Amino acid sequence: MALFTDGAVTSIEDLRGHDTQLLNVATVEGIDVTRKLALAHEELCVEVAGLLGRLGLPGQPIAPTAIRQVVVTPPLKLWHIFRTLEMVYGDAYNSQLNDRYAGKRDEYHEMVKWAYNQVIQGGLGIVTDPMEQAATPVVRPSAGGLADGTYYVAIAWTNAAGEEGASSAPATIQVSGSSFAVQTTAPPKVKGW
């Protein structure tokens, strides 16, 4: 399961699933949607850390590592999607003061509040033994007889309980009359991949 700190919680495709005009607006208004995704993630990190701080016992602060135990749940993902869309349309509105964009900005602002309430009602997903996203493996040619072609290799690390972290970005290798070997350098707590 993906951890909140693994990086991108959502993609541009996730955003487009909620707003088909997103890329047109971004192009016309010169908005970097990838940067807005990152900024929304940073803002949610601050808010999630605040939620974790309020969950602690009085006088006992939550350890700074606690945010690394938060998993991406459907409500948290929606919160991120709507926050990013709100930021995009806020930027578009502020560049042109176009009411068309103000309506979308306000709509997504309400959706942000709704998704936040869903996170509060359902709670944050927390794991006791977080397994971060695996690093992209190293793939090298080796002897063997795989079918010729291009292969994509992604891995996920597992902990002692067999719980899996998010898959790595894929490595690519072209094979012709051979095979390939996969290597990874994992942190000490990783028990398998």
Protein backbone atom coordinates (compact mmCIF):
# COMPACT_ATOMS: atom_id res chain seq x y z
CA MET A 1 0.00 0.00 0.00
CA ALA A 2 1.30 3.43 -0.87
CA LEU A 3 2.46 5.67 1.94
CA PHE A 4 1.56 9.35 1.93
CA THR A 5 5.26 10.21 2.01
CA ASP A 6 6.11 8.03 -1.01
CA GLY A 7 5.56 11.02 -3.26
CA ALA A 8 2.82 11.63 -5.77
CA VAL A 9 -0.52 10.79 -4.18
CA THR A 10 -2.35 11.44 -7.43
CA SER A 11 -1.52 12.02 -11.07
CA ILE A 12 -2.65 14.39 -13.77
CA GLU A 13 -4.83 11.54 -15.06
CA ASP A 14 -6.57 11.38 -11.66
CA LEU A 15 -7.23 15.11 -11.91
CA ARG A 16 -8.56 14.77 -15.46
CA GLY A 17 -10.96 12.11 -14.22
CA HIS A 18 -12.63 14.85 -12.16
CA ASP A 19 -12.16 17.73 -14.59
CA THR A 20 -11.84 17.03 -18.30
CA GLN A 21 -11.05 20.69 -19.09
CA LEU A 22 -8.05 20.79 -16.77
CA LEU A 23 -5.31 20.54 -19.40
CA ASN A 24 -7.00 23.08 -21.67
CA VAL A 25 -7.24 25.59 -18.82
CA ALA A 26 -3.67 24.89 -17.73
CA THR A 27 -2.36 25.40 -21.26
CA VAL A 28 -4.32 28.60 -21.89
CA GLU A 29 -3.41 30.10 -18.51
CA GLY A 30 0.19 28.81 -18.36
CA ILE A 31 -0.32 26.74 -15.20
CA ASP A 32 2.13 23.97 -14.29
CA VAL A 33 -0.21 21.22 -13.07
CA THR A 34 2.67 18.99 -11.97
CA ARG A 35 3.88 21.77 -9.67
CA LYS A 36 0.35 22.26 -8.32
CA LEU A 37 0.23 18.53 -7.49
CA ALA A 38 3.46 18.92 -5.52
CA LEU A 39 2.28 22.09 -3.75
CA ALA A 40 -1.01 20.46 -2.77
CA HIS A 41 0.97 17.50 -1.38
CA GLU A 42 3.13 19.86 0.68
CA GLU A 43 0.05 21.60 2.07
CA LEU A 44 -1.62 18.30 2.93
CA CYS A 45 1.59 17.16 4.67
CA VAL A 46 1.30 20.15 6.99
CA GLU A 47 -2.39 19.48 7.60
CA VAL A 48 -1.91 15.74 8.16
CA ALA A 49 0.93 16.45 10.59
CA GLY A 50 -1.44 18.79 12.44
CA LEU A 51 -4.09 16.06 12.58
CA LEU A 52 -1.54 13.62 13.94
CA GLY A 53 -0.46 16.18 16.54
CA ARG A 54 -4.04 16.57 17.74
CA LEU A 55 -4.36 12.79 18.06
CA GLY A 56 -1.50 12.56 20.56
CA LEU A 57 -1.97 12.32 24.29
CA PRO A 58 -1.84 15.62 26.20
CA GLY A 59 1.77 16.49 26.90
CA GLN A 60 3.07 13.74 24.59
CA PRO A 61 3.75 14.99 21.08
CA ILE A 62 3.46 12.66 18.12
CA ALA A 63 6.87 11.52 16.90
CA PRO A 64 7.98 13.36 13.75
CA THR A 65 8.19 9.99 12.00
CA ALA A 66 4.44 9.40 12.43
CA ILE A 67 3.62 11.01 9.08
CA ARG A 68 5.68 8.26 7.45
CA GLN A 69 3.12 5.78 8.79
CA VAL A 70 0.15 7.38 7.00
CA VAL A 71 -1.17 5.41 4.02
CA VAL A 72 -3.04 6.82 1.05
CA THR A 73 -6.70 6.01 1.58
CA PRO A 74 -9.45 6.87 -0.94
CA PRO A 75 -10.61 9.91 1.12
CA LEU A 76 -7.03 11.20 1.44
CA LYS A 77 -6.54 10.79 -2.30
CA LEU A 78 -9.75 12.72 -3.02
CA TRP A 79 -8.65 15.46 -0.61
CA HIS A 80 -5.43 15.80 -2.62
CA ILE A 81 -7.23 15.77 -5.98
CA PHE A 82 -9.71 18.46 -4.98
CA ARG A 83 -7.05 20.60 -3.29
CA THR A 84 -4.93 20.49 -6.44
CA LEU A 85 -7.89 21.40 -8.67
CA GLU A 86 -8.81 24.25 -6.31
CA MET A 87 -5.24 25.56 -6.62
CA VAL A 88 -5.27 25.32 -10.42
CA TYR A 89 -8.55 27.19 -10.75
CA GLY A 90 -7.51 29.70 -8.09
CA ASP A 91 -4.41 30.43 -10.14
CA ALA A 92 -6.44 30.70 -13.35
CA TYR A 93 -8.90 33.07 -11.70
CA ASN A 94 -6.17 35.26 -10.25
CA SER A 95 -4.39 35.60 -13.59
CA GLN A 96 -7.49 36.81 -15.48
CA LEU A 97 -10.11 37.58 -12.79
CA ASN A 98 -12.41 35.45 -14.95
CA ASP A 99 -15.62 34.49 -13.13
CA ARG A 100 -15.76 31.25 -15.09
CA TYR A 101 -12.69 30.15 -13.15
CA ALA A 102 -14.03 31.53 -9.87
CA GLY A 103 -17.00 29.17 -10.07
CA LYS A 104 -14.75 26.14 -10.55
CA ARG A 105 -12.40 27.34 -7.81
CA ASP A 106 -15.32 27.71 -5.39
CA GLU A 107 -16.78 24.34 -6.38
CA TYR A 108 -13.46 22.61 -5.68
CA HIS A 109 -13.09 24.54 -2.44
CA GLU A 110 -16.34 22.95 -1.26
CA MET A 111 -15.15 19.55 -2.46
CA VAL A 112 -11.91 20.03 -0.47
CA LYS A 113 -13.97 20.60 2.68
CA TRP A 114 -16.11 17.54 1.91
CA ALA A 115 -13.05 15.29 1.34
CA TYR A 116 -11.37 16.64 4.50
CA ASN A 117 -14.50 15.74 6.48
CA GLN A 118 -14.40 12.24 4.98
CA VAL A 119 -10.81 11.89 6.19
CA ILE A 120 -11.81 13.07 9.67
CA GLN A 121 -14.84 10.77 9.84
CA GLY A 122 -12.98 7.72 8.55
CA GLY A 123 -9.67 8.49 10.21
CA LEU A 124 -6.19 8.46 8.81
CA GLY A 125 -4.89 5.12 7.60
CA ILE A 126 -1.91 4.27 9.80
CA VAL A 127 0.47 1.32 9.54
CA THR A 128 2.72 0.16 12.36
CA ASP A 129 5.54 -1.10 10.13
CA PRO A 130 5.58 1.23 7.11
CA MET A 131 7.21 -0.07 3.97
CA GLU A 132 8.27 2.79 1.72
CA GLN A 133 8.16 2.71 -2.05
CA ALA A 134 10.89 0.56 -3.53
CA ALA A 135 13.72 2.11 -5.51
CA THR A 136 13.82 1.39 -9.23
CA PRO A 137 15.69 -1.91 -9.63
CA VAL A 138 18.88 -2.36 -11.59
CA VAL A 139 18.27 -4.64 -14.56
CA ARG A 140 21.21 -6.21 -16.40
CA PRO A 141 21.42 -8.64 -19.32
CA SER A 142 22.19 -12.25 -18.42
CA ALA A 143 22.29 -15.66 -20.08
CA GLY A 144 18.95 -17.22 -20.87
CA GLY A 145 16.30 -17.63 -23.48
CA LEU A 146 13.53 -15.10 -22.97
CA ALA A 147 11.52 -14.05 -25.98
CA ASP A 148 13.06 -11.07 -27.73
CA GLY A 149 11.45 -7.76 -26.79
CA THR A 150 11.29 -4.93 -24.33
CA TYR A 151 10.69 -5.79 -20.67
CA TYR A 152 9.58 -3.48 -17.88
CA VAL A 153 10.52 -4.45 -14.34
CA ALA A 154 9.06 -2.93 -11.18
CA ILE A 155 9.44 -4.24 -7.65
CA ALA A 156 7.81 -3.73 -4.27
CA TRP A 157 9.48 -4.38 -0.95
CA THR A 158 7.81 -6.40 1.81
CA ASN A 159 8.20 -6.32 5.59
CA ALA A 160 8.39 -9.22 8.06
CA ALA A 161 4.58 -9.61 8.02
CA GLY A 162 4.58 -9.87 4.21
CA GLU A 163 2.95 -6.44 3.82
CA GLU A 164 3.90 -4.74 0.61
CA GLY A 165 4.91 -1.16 -0.07
CA ALA A 166 4.24 0.73 -3.29
CA SER A 167 5.84 -0.51 -6.49
CA SER A 168 8.92 1.20 -7.84
CA ALA A 169 9.09 3.10 -11.07
CA PRO A 170 9.78 0.51 -13.76
CA ALA A 171 13.19 -0.18 -15.23
CA THR A 172 13.33 -1.04 -18.94
CA ILE A 173 15.54 -3.54 -20.74
CA GLN A 174 15.70 -4.71 -24.34
CA VAL A 175 16.33 -8.47 -24.63
CA SER A 176 17.55 -10.23 -27.76
CA GLY A 177 18.68 -13.86 -27.43
CA SER A 178 19.26 -13.56 -23.69
CA SER A 179 17.53 -12.91 -20.38
CA PHE A 180 18.01 -10.43 -17.55
CA ALA A 181 18.82 -10.31 -13.86
CA VAL A 182 17.25 -7.94 -11.35
CA GLN A 183 19.06 -6.35 -8.38
CA THR A 184 17.87 -4.00 -5.67
CA THR A 185 19.48 -2.36 -2.68
CA ALA A 186 16.92 -2.41 0.09
CA PRO A 187 16.93 -0.88 3.58
CA PRO A 188 17.70 -3.36 6.41
CA LYS A 189 14.06 -3.76 7.50
CA VAL A 190 13.03 -5.08 4.06
CA LYS A 191 12.49 -8.84 4.26
CA GLY A 192 11.60 -9.54 0.65
CA TRP A 193 10.73 -8.12 -2.72
